[in-house]
mmCIF file of all heavy atoms, coordinates in Angstrom:
data_MODEL
# 
_entry.id   MODEL 
# 
loop_
_atom_site.group_PDB 
_atom_site.id 
_atom_site.type_symbol 
_atom_site.label_atom_id 
_atom_site.label_alt_id 
_atom_site.label_comp_id 
_atom_site.label_asym_id 
_atom_site.label_entity_id 
_atom_site.label_seq_id 
_atom_site.pdbx_PDB_ins_code 
_atom_site.Cartn_x 
_atom_site.Cartn_y 
_atom_site.Cartn_z 
_atom_site.occupancy 
_atom_site.B_iso_or_equiv 
_atom_site.pdbx_formal_charge 
_atom_site.auth_seq_id 
_atom_site.auth_comp_id 
_atom_site.auth_asym_id 
_atom_site.auth_atom_id 
_atom_site.pdbx_PDB_model_num 
ATOM 1   N N   . ALA A 1 1  ? 10.150  6.650   -2.132 1.00 0.00 ? 1  ALA A N   1 
ATOM 2   C CA  . ALA A 1 1  ? 9.650   8.015   -2.311 1.00 0.00 ? 1  ALA A CA  1 
ATOM 3   C C   . ALA A 1 1  ? 8.284   8.022   -2.976 1.00 0.00 ? 1  ALA A C   1 
ATOM 4   O O   . ALA A 1 1  ? 7.414   8.826   -2.628 1.00 0.00 ? 1  ALA A O   1 
ATOM 5   C CB  . ALA A 1 1  ? 10.649  8.828   -3.137 1.00 0.00 ? 1  ALA A CB  1 
ATOM 6   N N   . ASP A 1 2  ? 8.076   7.112   -3.918 1.00 0.00 ? 2  ASP A N   1 
ATOM 7   C CA  . ASP A 1 2  ? 6.787   7.010   -4.603 1.00 0.00 ? 2  ASP A CA  1 
ATOM 8   C C   . ASP A 1 2  ? 5.689   6.642   -3.609 1.00 0.00 ? 2  ASP A C   1 
ATOM 9   O O   . ASP A 1 2  ? 4.610   7.248   -3.591 1.00 0.00 ? 2  ASP A O   1 
ATOM 10  C CB  . ASP A 1 2  ? 6.887   5.962   -5.713 1.00 0.00 ? 2  ASP A CB  1 
ATOM 11  C CG  . ASP A 1 2  ? 5.600   5.816   -6.506 1.00 0.00 ? 2  ASP A CG  1 
ATOM 12  O OD1 . ASP A 1 2  ? 4.876   6.821   -6.652 1.00 0.00 ? 2  ASP A OD1 1 
ATOM 13  O OD2 . ASP A 1 2  ? 5.317   4.708   -6.983 1.00 0.00 ? 2  ASP A OD2 1 
ATOM 14  N N   . LEU A 1 3  ? 5.943   5.641   -2.763 1.00 0.00 ? 3  LEU A N   1 
ATOM 15  C CA  . LEU A 1 3  ? 4.961   5.243   -1.762 1.00 0.00 ? 3  LEU A CA  1 
ATOM 16  C C   . LEU A 1 3  ? 4.679   6.388   -0.794 1.00 0.00 ? 3  LEU A C   1 
ATOM 17  O O   . LEU A 1 3  ? 3.522   6.684   -0.470 1.00 0.00 ? 3  LEU A O   1 
ATOM 18  C CB  . LEU A 1 3  ? 5.462   4.018   -0.992 1.00 0.00 ? 3  LEU A CB  1 
ATOM 19  C CG  . LEU A 1 3  ? 4.577   3.564   0.184  1.00 0.00 ? 3  LEU A CG  1 
ATOM 20  C CD1 . LEU A 1 3  ? 3.224   3.079   -0.314 1.00 0.00 ? 3  LEU A CD1 1 
ATOM 21  C CD2 . LEU A 1 3  ? 5.277   2.485   1.000  1.00 0.00 ? 3  LEU A CD2 1 
ATOM 22  N N   . ARG A 1 4  ? 5.724   7.040   -0.334 1.00 0.00 ? 4  ARG A N   1 
ATOM 23  C CA  . ARG A 1 4  ? 5.570   8.149   0.629  1.00 0.00 ? 4  ARG A CA  1 
ATOM 24  C C   . ARG A 1 4  ? 4.696   9.253   0.050  1.00 0.00 ? 4  ARG A C   1 
ATOM 25  O O   . ARG A 1 4  ? 3.778   9.755   0.705  1.00 0.00 ? 4  ARG A O   1 
ATOM 26  C CB  . ARG A 1 4  ? 6.945   8.696   1.007  1.00 0.00 ? 4  ARG A CB  1 
ATOM 27  C CG  . ARG A 1 4  ? 6.919   9.763   2.089  1.00 0.00 ? 4  ARG A CG  1 
ATOM 28  C CD  . ARG A 1 4  ? 8.296   10.332  2.350  1.00 0.00 ? 4  ARG A CD  1 
ATOM 29  N NE  . ARG A 1 4  ? 9.226   9.307   2.795  1.00 0.00 ? 4  ARG A NE  1 
ATOM 30  C CZ  . ARG A 1 4  ? 10.269  8.903   2.090  1.00 0.00 ? 4  ARG A CZ  1 
ATOM 31  N NH1 . ARG A 1 4  ? 10.518  9.429   0.889  1.00 0.00 ? 4  ARG A NH1 1 
ATOM 32  N NH2 . ARG A 1 4  ? 11.075  7.988   2.556  1.00 0.00 ? 4  ARG A NH2 1 
ATOM 33  N N   . ASN A 1 5  ? 4.965   9.639   -1.185 1.00 0.00 ? 5  ASN A N   1 
ATOM 34  C CA  . ASN A 1 5  ? 4.197   10.720  -1.813 1.00 0.00 ? 5  ASN A CA  1 
ATOM 35  C C   . ASN A 1 5  ? 2.738   10.323  -2.019 1.00 0.00 ? 5  ASN A C   1 
ATOM 36  O O   . ASN A 1 5  ? 1.823   11.115  -1.769 1.00 0.00 ? 5  ASN A O   1 
ATOM 37  C CB  . ASN A 1 5  ? 4.817   11.096  -3.161 1.00 0.00 ? 5  ASN A CB  1 
ATOM 38  C CG  . ASN A 1 5  ? 6.151   11.800  -3.019 1.00 0.00 ? 5  ASN A CG  1 
ATOM 39  O OD1 . ASN A 1 5  ? 6.448   12.389  -1.980 1.00 0.00 ? 5  ASN A OD1 1 
ATOM 40  N ND2 . ASN A 1 5  ? 6.970   11.740  -4.056 1.00 0.00 ? 5  ASN A ND2 1 
ATOM 41  N N   . ARG A 1 6  ? 2.517   9.100   -2.479 1.00 0.00 ? 6  ARG A N   1 
ATOM 42  C CA  . ARG A 1 6  ? 1.158   8.677   -2.805 1.00 0.00 ? 6  ARG A CA  1 
ATOM 43  C C   . ARG A 1 6  ? 0.303   8.513   -1.556 1.00 0.00 ? 6  ARG A C   1 
ATOM 44  O O   . ARG A 1 6  ? -0.874  8.907   -1.528 1.00 0.00 ? 6  ARG A O   1 
ATOM 45  C CB  . ARG A 1 6  ? 1.188   7.402   -3.631 1.00 0.00 ? 6  ARG A CB  1 
ATOM 46  C CG  . ARG A 1 6  ? 1.653   7.665   -5.066 1.00 0.00 ? 6  ARG A CG  1 
ATOM 47  C CD  . ARG A 1 6  ? 2.005   6.402   -5.814 1.00 0.00 ? 6  ARG A CD  1 
ATOM 48  N NE  . ARG A 1 6  ? 0.889   5.476   -5.909 1.00 0.00 ? 6  ARG A NE  1 
ATOM 49  C CZ  . ARG A 1 6  ? 0.968   4.288   -6.487 1.00 0.00 ? 6  ARG A CZ  1 
ATOM 50  N NH1 . ARG A 1 6  ? 2.111   3.891   -7.018 1.00 0.00 ? 6  ARG A NH1 1 
ATOM 51  N NH2 . ARG A 1 6  ? -0.082  3.499   -6.545 1.00 0.00 ? 6  ARG A NH2 1 
ATOM 52  N N   . VAL A 1 7  ? 0.875   7.953   -0.507 1.00 0.00 ? 7  VAL A N   1 
ATOM 53  C CA  . VAL A 1 7  ? 0.124   7.800   0.747  1.00 0.00 ? 7  VAL A CA  1 
ATOM 54  C C   . VAL A 1 7  ? -0.198  9.167   1.344  1.00 0.00 ? 7  VAL A C   1 
ATOM 55  O O   . VAL A 1 7  ? -1.298  9.408   1.845  1.00 0.00 ? 7  VAL A O   1 
ATOM 56  C CB  . VAL A 1 7  ? 0.906   6.933   1.753  1.00 0.00 ? 7  VAL A CB  1 
ATOM 57  C CG1 . VAL A 1 7  ? 0.266   6.998   3.140  1.00 0.00 ? 7  VAL A CG1 1 
ATOM 58  C CG2 . VAL A 1 7  ? 0.975   5.487   1.278  1.00 0.00 ? 7  VAL A CG2 1 
ATOM 59  N N   . ALA A 1 8  ? 0.762   10.086  1.281  1.00 0.00 ? 8  ALA A N   1 
ATOM 60  C CA  . ALA A 1 8  ? 0.566   11.413  1.854  1.00 0.00 ? 8  ALA A CA  1 
ATOM 61  C C   . ALA A 1 8  ? -0.583  12.160  1.194  1.00 0.00 ? 8  ALA A C   1 
ATOM 62  O O   . ALA A 1 8  ? -1.255  12.976  1.828  1.00 0.00 ? 8  ALA A O   1 
ATOM 63  C CB  . ALA A 1 8  ? 1.847   12.236  1.740  1.00 0.00 ? 8  ALA A CB  1 
ATOM 64  N N   . MET A 1 9  ? -0.838  11.896  -0.081 1.00 0.00 ? 9  MET A N   1 
ATOM 65  C CA  . MET A 1 9  ? -1.888  12.594  -0.812 1.00 0.00 ? 9  MET A CA  1 
ATOM 66  C C   . MET A 1 9  ? -3.268  11.972  -0.625 1.00 0.00 ? 9  MET A C   1 
ATOM 67  O O   . MET A 1 9  ? -4.263  12.496  -1.113 1.00 0.00 ? 9  MET A O   1 
ATOM 68  C CB  . MET A 1 9  ? -1.548  12.615  -2.303 1.00 0.00 ? 9  MET A CB  1 
ATOM 69  C CG  . MET A 1 9  ? -0.348  13.478  -2.664 1.00 0.00 ? 9  MET A CG  1 
ATOM 70  S SD  . MET A 1 9  ? -0.629  15.242  -2.326 1.00 0.00 ? 9  MET A SD  1 
ATOM 71  C CE  . MET A 1 9  ? 0.413   15.467  -0.857 1.00 0.00 ? 9  MET A CE  1 
ATOM 72  N N   . ILE A 1 10 ? -3.343  10.846  0.090  1.00 0.00 ? 10 ILE A N   1 
ATOM 73  C CA  . ILE A 1 10 ? -4.626  10.152  0.277  1.00 0.00 ? 10 ILE A CA  1 
ATOM 74  C C   . ILE A 1 10 ? -5.362  10.714  1.492  1.00 0.00 ? 10 ILE A C   1 
ATOM 75  O O   . ILE A 1 10 ? -4.768  10.933  2.555  1.00 0.00 ? 10 ILE A O   1 
ATOM 76  C CB  . ILE A 1 10 ? -4.403  8.643   0.440  1.00 0.00 ? 10 ILE A CB  1 
ATOM 77  C CG1 . ILE A 1 10 ? -3.849  8.041   -0.863 1.00 0.00 ? 10 ILE A CG1 1 
ATOM 78  C CG2 . ILE A 1 10 ? -5.688  7.930   0.841  1.00 0.00 ? 10 ILE A CG2 1 
ATOM 79  C CD1 . ILE A 1 10 ? -3.494  6.585   -0.754 1.00 0.00 ? 10 ILE A CD1 1 
ATOM 80  N N   . GLU A 1 11 ? -6.641  10.922  1.340  1.00 0.00 ? 11 GLU A N   1 
ATOM 81  C CA  . GLU A 1 11 ? -7.462  11.431  2.434  1.00 0.00 ? 11 GLU A CA  1 
ATOM 82  C C   . GLU A 1 11 ? -7.571  10.369  3.523  1.00 0.00 ? 11 GLU A C   1 
ATOM 83  O O   . GLU A 1 11 ? -7.893  9.212   3.246  1.00 0.00 ? 11 GLU A O   1 
ATOM 84  C CB  . GLU A 1 11 ? -8.853  11.786  1.913  1.00 0.00 ? 11 GLU A CB  1 
ATOM 85  C CG  . GLU A 1 11 ? -9.773  12.373  2.964  1.00 0.00 ? 11 GLU A CG  1 
ATOM 86  C CD  . GLU A 1 11 ? -11.138 12.698  2.406  1.00 0.00 ? 11 GLU A CD  1 
ATOM 87  O OE1 . GLU A 1 11 ? -11.335 12.514  1.180  1.00 0.00 ? 11 GLU A OE1 1 
ATOM 88  O OE2 . GLU A 1 11 ? -12.007 13.126  3.180  1.00 0.00 ? 11 GLU A OE2 1 
ATOM 89  N N   . PRO A 1 12 ? -7.276  10.724  4.778  1.00 0.00 ? 12 PRO A N   1 
ATOM 90  C CA  . PRO A 1 12 ? -7.405  9.755   5.877  1.00 0.00 ? 12 PRO A CA  1 
ATOM 91  C C   . PRO A 1 12 ? -8.800  9.141   5.917  1.00 0.00 ? 12 PRO A C   1 
ATOM 92  O O   . PRO A 1 12 ? -9.810  9.810   5.704  1.00 0.00 ? 12 PRO A O   1 
ATOM 93  C CB  . PRO A 1 12 ? -7.143  10.617  7.127  1.00 0.00 ? 12 PRO A CB  1 
ATOM 94  C CG  . PRO A 1 12 ? -6.265  11.723  6.637  1.00 0.00 ? 12 PRO A CG  1 
ATOM 95  C CD  . PRO A 1 12 ? -6.749  12.025  5.247  1.00 0.00 ? 12 PRO A CD  1 
ATOM 96  N N   . GLY A 1 13 ? -8.843  7.831   6.164  1.00 0.00 ? 13 GLY A N   1 
ATOM 97  C CA  . GLY A 1 13 ? -10.104 7.106   6.195  1.00 0.00 ? 13 GLY A CA  1 
ATOM 98  C C   . GLY A 1 13 ? -10.373 6.305   4.943  1.00 0.00 ? 13 GLY A C   1 
ATOM 99  O O   . GLY A 1 13 ? -11.246 5.423   4.938  1.00 0.00 ? 13 GLY A O   1 
ATOM 100 N N   . ARG A 1 14 ? -9.623  6.585   3.882  1.00 0.00 ? 14 ARG A N   1 
ATOM 101 C CA  . ARG A 1 14 ? -9.830  5.849   2.641  1.00 0.00 ? 14 ARG A CA  1 
ATOM 102 C C   . ARG A 1 14 ? -9.110  4.505   2.680  1.00 0.00 ? 14 ARG A C   1 
ATOM 103 O O   . ARG A 1 14 ? -8.020  4.387   3.250  1.00 0.00 ? 14 ARG A O   1 
ATOM 104 C CB  . ARG A 1 14 ? -9.316  6.663   1.450  1.00 0.00 ? 14 ARG A CB  1 
ATOM 105 C CG  . ARG A 1 14 ? -9.814  6.158   0.110  1.00 0.00 ? 14 ARG A CG  1 
ATOM 106 C CD  . ARG A 1 14 ? -9.199  6.916   -1.035 1.00 0.00 ? 14 ARG A CD  1 
ATOM 107 N NE  . ARG A 1 14 ? -8.412  6.027   -1.883 1.00 0.00 ? 14 ARG A NE  1 
ATOM 108 C CZ  . ARG A 1 14 ? -7.539  6.432   -2.794 1.00 0.00 ? 14 ARG A CZ  1 
ATOM 109 N NH1 . ARG A 1 14 ? -7.320  7.709   -2.958 1.00 0.00 ? 14 ARG A NH1 1 
ATOM 110 N NH2 . ARG A 1 14 ? -6.889  5.567   -3.518 1.00 0.00 ? 14 ARG A NH2 1 
ATOM 111 N N   . LYS A 1 15 ? -9.704  3.498   2.056  1.00 0.00 ? 15 LYS A N   1 
ATOM 112 C CA  . LYS A 1 15 ? -9.087  2.167   2.007  1.00 0.00 ? 15 LYS A CA  1 
ATOM 113 C C   . LYS A 1 15 ? -8.261  2.022   0.730  1.00 0.00 ? 15 LYS A C   1 
ATOM 114 O O   . LYS A 1 15 ? -8.693  2.441   -0.346 1.00 0.00 ? 15 LYS A O   1 
ATOM 115 C CB  . LYS A 1 15 ? -10.159 1.077   2.050  1.00 0.00 ? 15 LYS A CB  1 
ATOM 116 C CG  . LYS A 1 15 ? -10.959 1.044   3.339  1.00 0.00 ? 15 LYS A CG  1 
ATOM 117 C CD  . LYS A 1 15 ? -11.965 -0.090  3.313  1.00 0.00 ? 15 LYS A CD  1 
ATOM 118 C CE  . LYS A 1 15 ? -12.862 -0.059  4.547  1.00 0.00 ? 15 LYS A CE  1 
ATOM 119 N NZ  . LYS A 1 15 ? -12.106 -0.294  5.788  1.00 0.00 ? 15 LYS A NZ  1 
ATOM 120 N N   . VAL A 1 16 ? -7.073  1.431   0.859  1.00 0.00 ? 16 VAL A N   1 
ATOM 121 C CA  . VAL A 1 16 ? -6.228  1.164   -0.299 1.00 0.00 ? 16 VAL A CA  1 
ATOM 122 C C   . VAL A 1 16 ? -5.815  -0.306  -0.275 1.00 0.00 ? 16 VAL A C   1 
ATOM 123 O O   . VAL A 1 16 ? -5.704  -0.916  0.793  1.00 0.00 ? 16 VAL A O   1 
ATOM 124 C CB  . VAL A 1 16 ? -4.973  2.064   -0.337 1.00 0.00 ? 16 VAL A CB  1 
ATOM 125 C CG1 . VAL A 1 16 ? -5.355  3.525   -0.459 1.00 0.00 ? 16 VAL A CG1 1 
ATOM 126 C CG2 . VAL A 1 16 ? -4.109  1.860   0.896  1.00 0.00 ? 16 VAL A CG2 1 
ATOM 127 N N   . ASN A 1 17 ? -5.601  -0.855  -1.452 1.00 0.00 ? 17 ASN A N   1 
ATOM 128 C CA  . ASN A 1 17 ? -5.251  -2.262  -1.583 1.00 0.00 ? 17 ASN A CA  1 
ATOM 129 C C   . ASN A 1 17 ? -3.782  -2.418  -1.961 1.00 0.00 ? 17 ASN A C   1 
ATOM 130 O O   . ASN A 1 17 ? -3.330  -1.860  -2.965 1.00 0.00 ? 17 ASN A O   1 
ATOM 131 C CB  . ASN A 1 17 ? -6.121  -2.928  -2.648 1.00 0.00 ? 17 ASN A CB  1 
ATOM 132 C CG  . ASN A 1 17 ? -5.809  -4.411  -2.780 1.00 0.00 ? 17 ASN A CG  1 
ATOM 133 O OD1 . ASN A 1 17 ? -6.000  -5.171  -1.842 1.00 0.00 ? 17 ASN A OD1 1 
ATOM 134 N ND2 . ASN A 1 17 ? -5.326  -4.815  -3.935 1.00 0.00 ? 17 ASN A ND2 1 
ATOM 135 N N   . PHE A 1 18 ? -3.043  -3.157  -1.161 1.00 0.00 ? 18 PHE A N   1 
ATOM 136 C CA  . PHE A 1 18 ? -1.631  -3.422  -1.433 1.00 0.00 ? 18 PHE A CA  1 
ATOM 137 C C   . PHE A 1 18 ? -1.443  -4.879  -1.853 1.00 0.00 ? 18 PHE A C   1 
ATOM 138 O O   . PHE A 1 18 ? -2.038  -5.790  -1.262 1.00 0.00 ? 18 PHE A O   1 
ATOM 139 C CB  . PHE A 1 18 ? -0.771  -3.165  -0.194 1.00 0.00 ? 18 PHE A CB  1 
ATOM 140 C CG  . PHE A 1 18 ? -0.585  -1.717  0.141  1.00 0.00 ? 18 PHE A CG  1 
ATOM 141 C CD1 . PHE A 1 18 ? -1.301  -1.139  1.184  1.00 0.00 ? 18 PHE A CD1 1 
ATOM 142 C CD2 . PHE A 1 18 ? 0.304   -0.929  -0.572 1.00 0.00 ? 18 PHE A CD2 1 
ATOM 143 C CE1 . PHE A 1 18 ? -1.133  0.191   1.497  1.00 0.00 ? 18 PHE A CE1 1 
ATOM 144 C CE2 . PHE A 1 18 ? 0.478   0.405   -0.266 1.00 0.00 ? 18 PHE A CE2 1 
ATOM 145 C CZ  . PHE A 1 18 ? -0.246  0.971   0.778  1.00 0.00 ? 18 PHE A CZ  1 
ATOM 146 N N   . ILE A 1 19 ? -0.616  -5.087  -2.872 1.00 0.00 ? 19 ILE A N   1 
ATOM 147 C CA  . ILE A 1 19 ? -0.093  -6.415  -3.180 1.00 0.00 ? 19 ILE A CA  1 
ATOM 148 C C   . ILE A 1 19 ? 1.337   -6.440  -2.675 1.00 0.00 ? 19 ILE A C   1 
ATOM 149 O O   . ILE A 1 19 ? 2.123   -5.527  -2.971 1.00 0.00 ? 19 ILE A O   1 
ATOM 150 C CB  . ILE A 1 19 ? -0.146  -6.716  -4.687 1.00 0.00 ? 19 ILE A CB  1 
ATOM 151 C CG1 . ILE A 1 19 ? -1.605  -6.778  -5.165 1.00 0.00 ? 19 ILE A CG1 1 
ATOM 152 C CG2 . ILE A 1 19 ? 0.565   -8.027  -4.998 1.00 0.00 ? 19 ILE A CG2 1 
ATOM 153 C CD1 . ILE A 1 19 ? -1.758  -7.018  -6.644 1.00 0.00 ? 19 ILE A CD1 1 
ATOM 154 N N   . LEU A 1 20 ? 1.683   -7.461  -1.891 1.00 0.00 ? 20 LEU A N   1 
ATOM 155 C CA  . LEU A 1 20 ? 2.998   -7.513  -1.270 1.00 0.00 ? 20 LEU A CA  1 
ATOM 156 C C   . LEU A 1 20 ? 3.583   -8.902  -1.376 1.00 0.00 ? 20 LEU A C   1 
ATOM 157 O O   . LEU A 1 20 ? 2.888   -9.878  -1.690 1.00 0.00 ? 20 LEU A O   1 
ATOM 158 C CB  . LEU A 1 20 ? 2.913   -7.059  0.191  1.00 0.00 ? 20 LEU A CB  1 
ATOM 159 C CG  . LEU A 1 20 ? 1.974   -7.848  1.119  1.00 0.00 ? 20 LEU A CG  1 
ATOM 160 C CD1 . LEU A 1 20 ? 2.713   -9.010  1.777  1.00 0.00 ? 20 LEU A CD1 1 
ATOM 161 C CD2 . LEU A 1 20 ? 1.385   -6.939  2.175  1.00 0.00 ? 20 LEU A CD2 1 
ATOM 162 N N   . SER A 1 21 ? 4.877   -8.969  -1.118 1.00 0.00 ? 21 SER A N   1 
ATOM 163 C CA  . SER A 1 21 ? 5.578   -10.251 -1.050 1.00 0.00 ? 21 SER A CA  1 
ATOM 164 C C   . SER A 1 21 ? 5.999   -10.487 0.391  1.00 0.00 ? 21 SER A C   1 
ATOM 165 O O   . SER A 1 21 ? 6.644   -9.632  1.003  1.00 0.00 ? 21 SER A O   1 
ATOM 166 C CB  . SER A 1 21 ? 6.802   -10.228 -1.972 1.00 0.00 ? 21 SER A CB  1 
ATOM 167 O OG  . SER A 1 21 ? 7.557   -11.412 -1.824 1.00 0.00 ? 21 SER A OG  1 
ATOM 168 N N   . ARG A 1 22 ? 5.601   -11.656 0.917  1.00 0.00 ? 22 ARG A N   1 
ATOM 169 C CA  . ARG A 1 22 ? 5.984   -12.025 2.285  1.00 0.00 ? 22 ARG A CA  1 
ATOM 170 C C   . ARG A 1 22 ? 6.539   -13.448 2.254  1.00 0.00 ? 22 ARG A C   1 
ATOM 171 O O   . ARG A 1 22 ? 5.847   -14.384 1.873  1.00 0.00 ? 22 ARG A O   1 
ATOM 172 C CB  . ARG A 1 22 ? 4.788   -11.943 3.230  1.00 0.00 ? 22 ARG A CB  1 
ATOM 173 C CG  . ARG A 1 22 ? 5.098   -12.347 4.664  1.00 0.00 ? 22 ARG A CG  1 
ATOM 174 C CD  . ARG A 1 22 ? 3.853   -12.285 5.532  1.00 0.00 ? 22 ARG A CD  1 
ATOM 175 N NE  . ARG A 1 22 ? 3.369   -10.918 5.675  1.00 0.00 ? 22 ARG A NE  1 
ATOM 176 C CZ  . ARG A 1 22 ? 2.190   -10.605 6.218  1.00 0.00 ? 22 ARG A CZ  1 
ATOM 177 N NH1 . ARG A 1 22 ? 1.386   -11.566 6.646  1.00 0.00 ? 22 ARG A NH1 1 
ATOM 178 N NH2 . ARG A 1 22 ? 1.825   -9.337  6.319  1.00 0.00 ? 22 ARG A NH2 1 
ATOM 179 N N   . ASP A 1 23 ? 7.810   -13.567 2.609  1.00 0.00 ? 23 ASP A N   1 
ATOM 180 C CA  . ASP A 1 23 ? 8.487   -14.873 2.576  1.00 0.00 ? 23 ASP A CA  1 
ATOM 181 C C   . ASP A 1 23 ? 8.380   -15.521 1.200  1.00 0.00 ? 23 ASP A C   1 
ATOM 182 O O   . ASP A 1 23 ? 8.182   -16.735 1.058  1.00 0.00 ? 23 ASP A O   1 
ATOM 183 C CB  . ASP A 1 23 ? 7.902   -15.810 3.637  1.00 0.00 ? 23 ASP A CB  1 
ATOM 184 C CG  . ASP A 1 23 ? 8.100   -15.295 5.044  1.00 0.00 ? 23 ASP A CG  1 
ATOM 185 O OD1 . ASP A 1 23 ? 9.154   -14.678 5.299  1.00 0.00 ? 23 ASP A OD1 1 
ATOM 186 O OD2 . ASP A 1 23 ? 7.198   -15.472 5.883  1.00 0.00 ? 23 ASP A OD2 1 
ATOM 187 N N   . GLY A 1 24 ? 8.473   -14.686 0.160  1.00 0.00 ? 24 GLY A N   1 
ATOM 188 C CA  . GLY A 1 24 ? 8.460   -15.188 -1.203 1.00 0.00 ? 24 GLY A CA  1 
ATOM 189 C C   . GLY A 1 24 ? 7.083   -15.454 -1.775 1.00 0.00 ? 24 GLY A C   1 
ATOM 190 O O   . GLY A 1 24 ? 6.969   -15.868 -2.928 1.00 0.00 ? 24 GLY A O   1 
ATOM 191 N N   . LYS A 1 25 ? 6.012   -15.221 -0.990 1.00 0.00 ? 25 LYS A N   1 
ATOM 192 C CA  . LYS A 1 25 ? 4.650   -15.463 -1.458 1.00 0.00 ? 25 LYS A CA  1 
ATOM 193 C C   . LYS A 1 25 ? 3.890   -14.146 -1.539 1.00 0.00 ? 25 LYS A C   1 
ATOM 194 O O   . LYS A 1 25 ? 4.052   -13.272 -0.697 1.00 0.00 ? 25 LYS A O   1 
ATOM 195 C CB  . LYS A 1 25 ? 3.919   -16.425 -0.514 1.00 0.00 ? 25 LYS A CB  1 
ATOM 196 C CG  . LYS A 1 25 ? 4.578   -17.798 -0.428 1.00 0.00 ? 25 LYS A CG  1 
ATOM 197 C CD  . LYS A 1 25 ? 3.844   -18.681 0.556  1.00 0.00 ? 25 LYS A CD  1 
ATOM 198 C CE  . LYS A 1 25 ? 4.523   -20.056 0.662  1.00 0.00 ? 25 LYS A CE  1 
ATOM 199 N NZ  . LYS A 1 25 ? 3.843   -20.929 1.643  1.00 0.00 ? 25 LYS A NZ  1 
ATOM 200 N N   . ARG A 1 26 ? 3.026   -14.035 -2.545 1.00 0.00 ? 26 ARG A N   1 
ATOM 201 C CA  . ARG A 1 26 ? 2.248   -12.806 -2.740 1.00 0.00 ? 26 ARG A CA  1 
ATOM 202 C C   . ARG A 1 26 ? 0.983   -12.827 -1.900 1.00 0.00 ? 26 ARG A C   1 
ATOM 203 O O   . ARG A 1 26 ? 0.326   -13.853 -1.750 1.00 0.00 ? 26 ARG A O   1 
ATOM 204 C CB  . ARG A 1 26 ? 1.895   -12.620 -4.214 1.00 0.00 ? 26 ARG A CB  1 
ATOM 205 C CG  . ARG A 1 26 ? 3.109   -12.336 -5.076 1.00 0.00 ? 26 ARG A CG  1 
ATOM 206 C CD  . ARG A 1 26 ? 2.742   -11.581 -6.321 1.00 0.00 ? 26 ARG A CD  1 
ATOM 207 N NE  . ARG A 1 26 ? 3.938   -11.099 -7.011 1.00 0.00 ? 26 ARG A NE  1 
ATOM 208 C CZ  . ARG A 1 26 ? 3.945   -10.149 -7.918 1.00 0.00 ? 26 ARG A CZ  1 
ATOM 209 N NH1 . ARG A 1 26 ? 2.812   -9.558  -8.249 1.00 0.00 ? 26 ARG A NH1 1 
ATOM 210 N NH2 . ARG A 1 26 ? 5.059   -9.777  -8.507 1.00 0.00 ? 26 ARG A NH2 1 
ATOM 211 N N   . LYS A 1 27 ? 0.650   -11.637 -1.371 1.00 0.00 ? 27 LYS A N   1 
ATOM 212 C CA  . LYS A 1 27 ? -0.553  -11.496 -0.563 1.00 0.00 ? 27 LYS A CA  1 
ATOM 213 C C   . LYS A 1 27 ? -1.251  -10.196 -0.942 1.00 0.00 ? 27 LYS A C   1 
ATOM 214 O O   . LYS A 1 27 ? -0.625  -9.259  -1.441 1.00 0.00 ? 27 LYS A O   1 
ATOM 215 C CB  . LYS A 1 27 ? -0.213  -11.461 0.937  1.00 0.00 ? 27 LYS A CB  1 
ATOM 216 C CG  . LYS A 1 27 ? 0.263   -12.778 1.507  1.00 0.00 ? 27 LYS A CG  1 
ATOM 217 C CD  . LYS A 1 27 ? 0.579   -12.642 2.981  1.00 0.00 ? 27 LYS A CD  1 
ATOM 218 C CE  . LYS A 1 27 ? -0.634  -12.324 3.815  1.00 0.00 ? 27 LYS A CE  1 
ATOM 219 N NZ  . LYS A 1 27 ? -1.544  -13.481 3.952  1.00 0.00 ? 27 LYS A NZ  1 
ATOM 220 N N   . ASN A 1 28 ? -2.539  -10.125 -0.641 1.00 0.00 ? 28 ASN A N   1 
ATOM 221 C CA  . ASN A 1 28 ? -3.359  -8.936  -0.804 1.00 0.00 ? 28 ASN A CA  1 
ATOM 222 C C   . ASN A 1 28 ? -3.741  -8.427  0.578  1.00 0.00 ? 28 ASN A C   1 
ATOM 223 O O   . ASN A 1 28 ? -4.283  -9.192  1.379  1.00 0.00 ? 28 ASN A O   1 
ATOM 224 C CB  . ASN A 1 28 ? -4.642  -9.266  -1.565 1.00 0.00 ? 28 ASN A CB  1 
ATOM 225 C CG  . ASN A 1 28 ? -4.674  -8.649  -2.938 1.00 0.00 ? 28 ASN A CG  1 
ATOM 226 O OD1 . ASN A 1 28 ? -3.657  -8.211  -3.441 1.00 0.00 ? 28 ASN A OD1 1 
ATOM 227 N ND2 . ASN A 1 28 ? -5.849  -8.630  -3.540 1.00 0.00 ? 28 ASN A ND2 1 
ATOM 228 N N   . ILE A 1 29 ? -3.490  -7.148  0.871  1.00 0.00 ? 29 ILE A N   1 
ATOM 229 C CA  . ILE A 1 29 ? -3.901  -6.595  2.166  1.00 0.00 ? 29 ILE A CA  1 
ATOM 230 C C   . ILE A 1 29 ? -4.517  -5.218  1.934  1.00 0.00 ? 29 ILE A C   1 
ATOM 231 O O   . ILE A 1 29 ? -3.943  -4.382  1.232  1.00 0.00 ? 29 ILE A O   1 
ATOM 232 C CB  . ILE A 1 29 ? -2.711  -6.491  3.145  1.00 0.00 ? 29 ILE A CB  1 
ATOM 233 C CG1 . ILE A 1 29 ? -2.296  -7.898  3.602  1.00 0.00 ? 29 ILE A CG1 1 
ATOM 234 C CG2 . ILE A 1 29 ? -3.053  -5.616  4.350  1.00 0.00 ? 29 ILE A CG2 1 
ATOM 235 C CD1 . ILE A 1 29 ? -1.214  -7.919  4.657  1.00 0.00 ? 29 ILE A CD1 1 
# 
């Protein structure tokens, strides 16, 4: 719900940085 609300409030075209876990390893996208 937090992600849904925050993304919805962002103006289209803006860049955002995500830190994620993929197969146990952290990545920046």
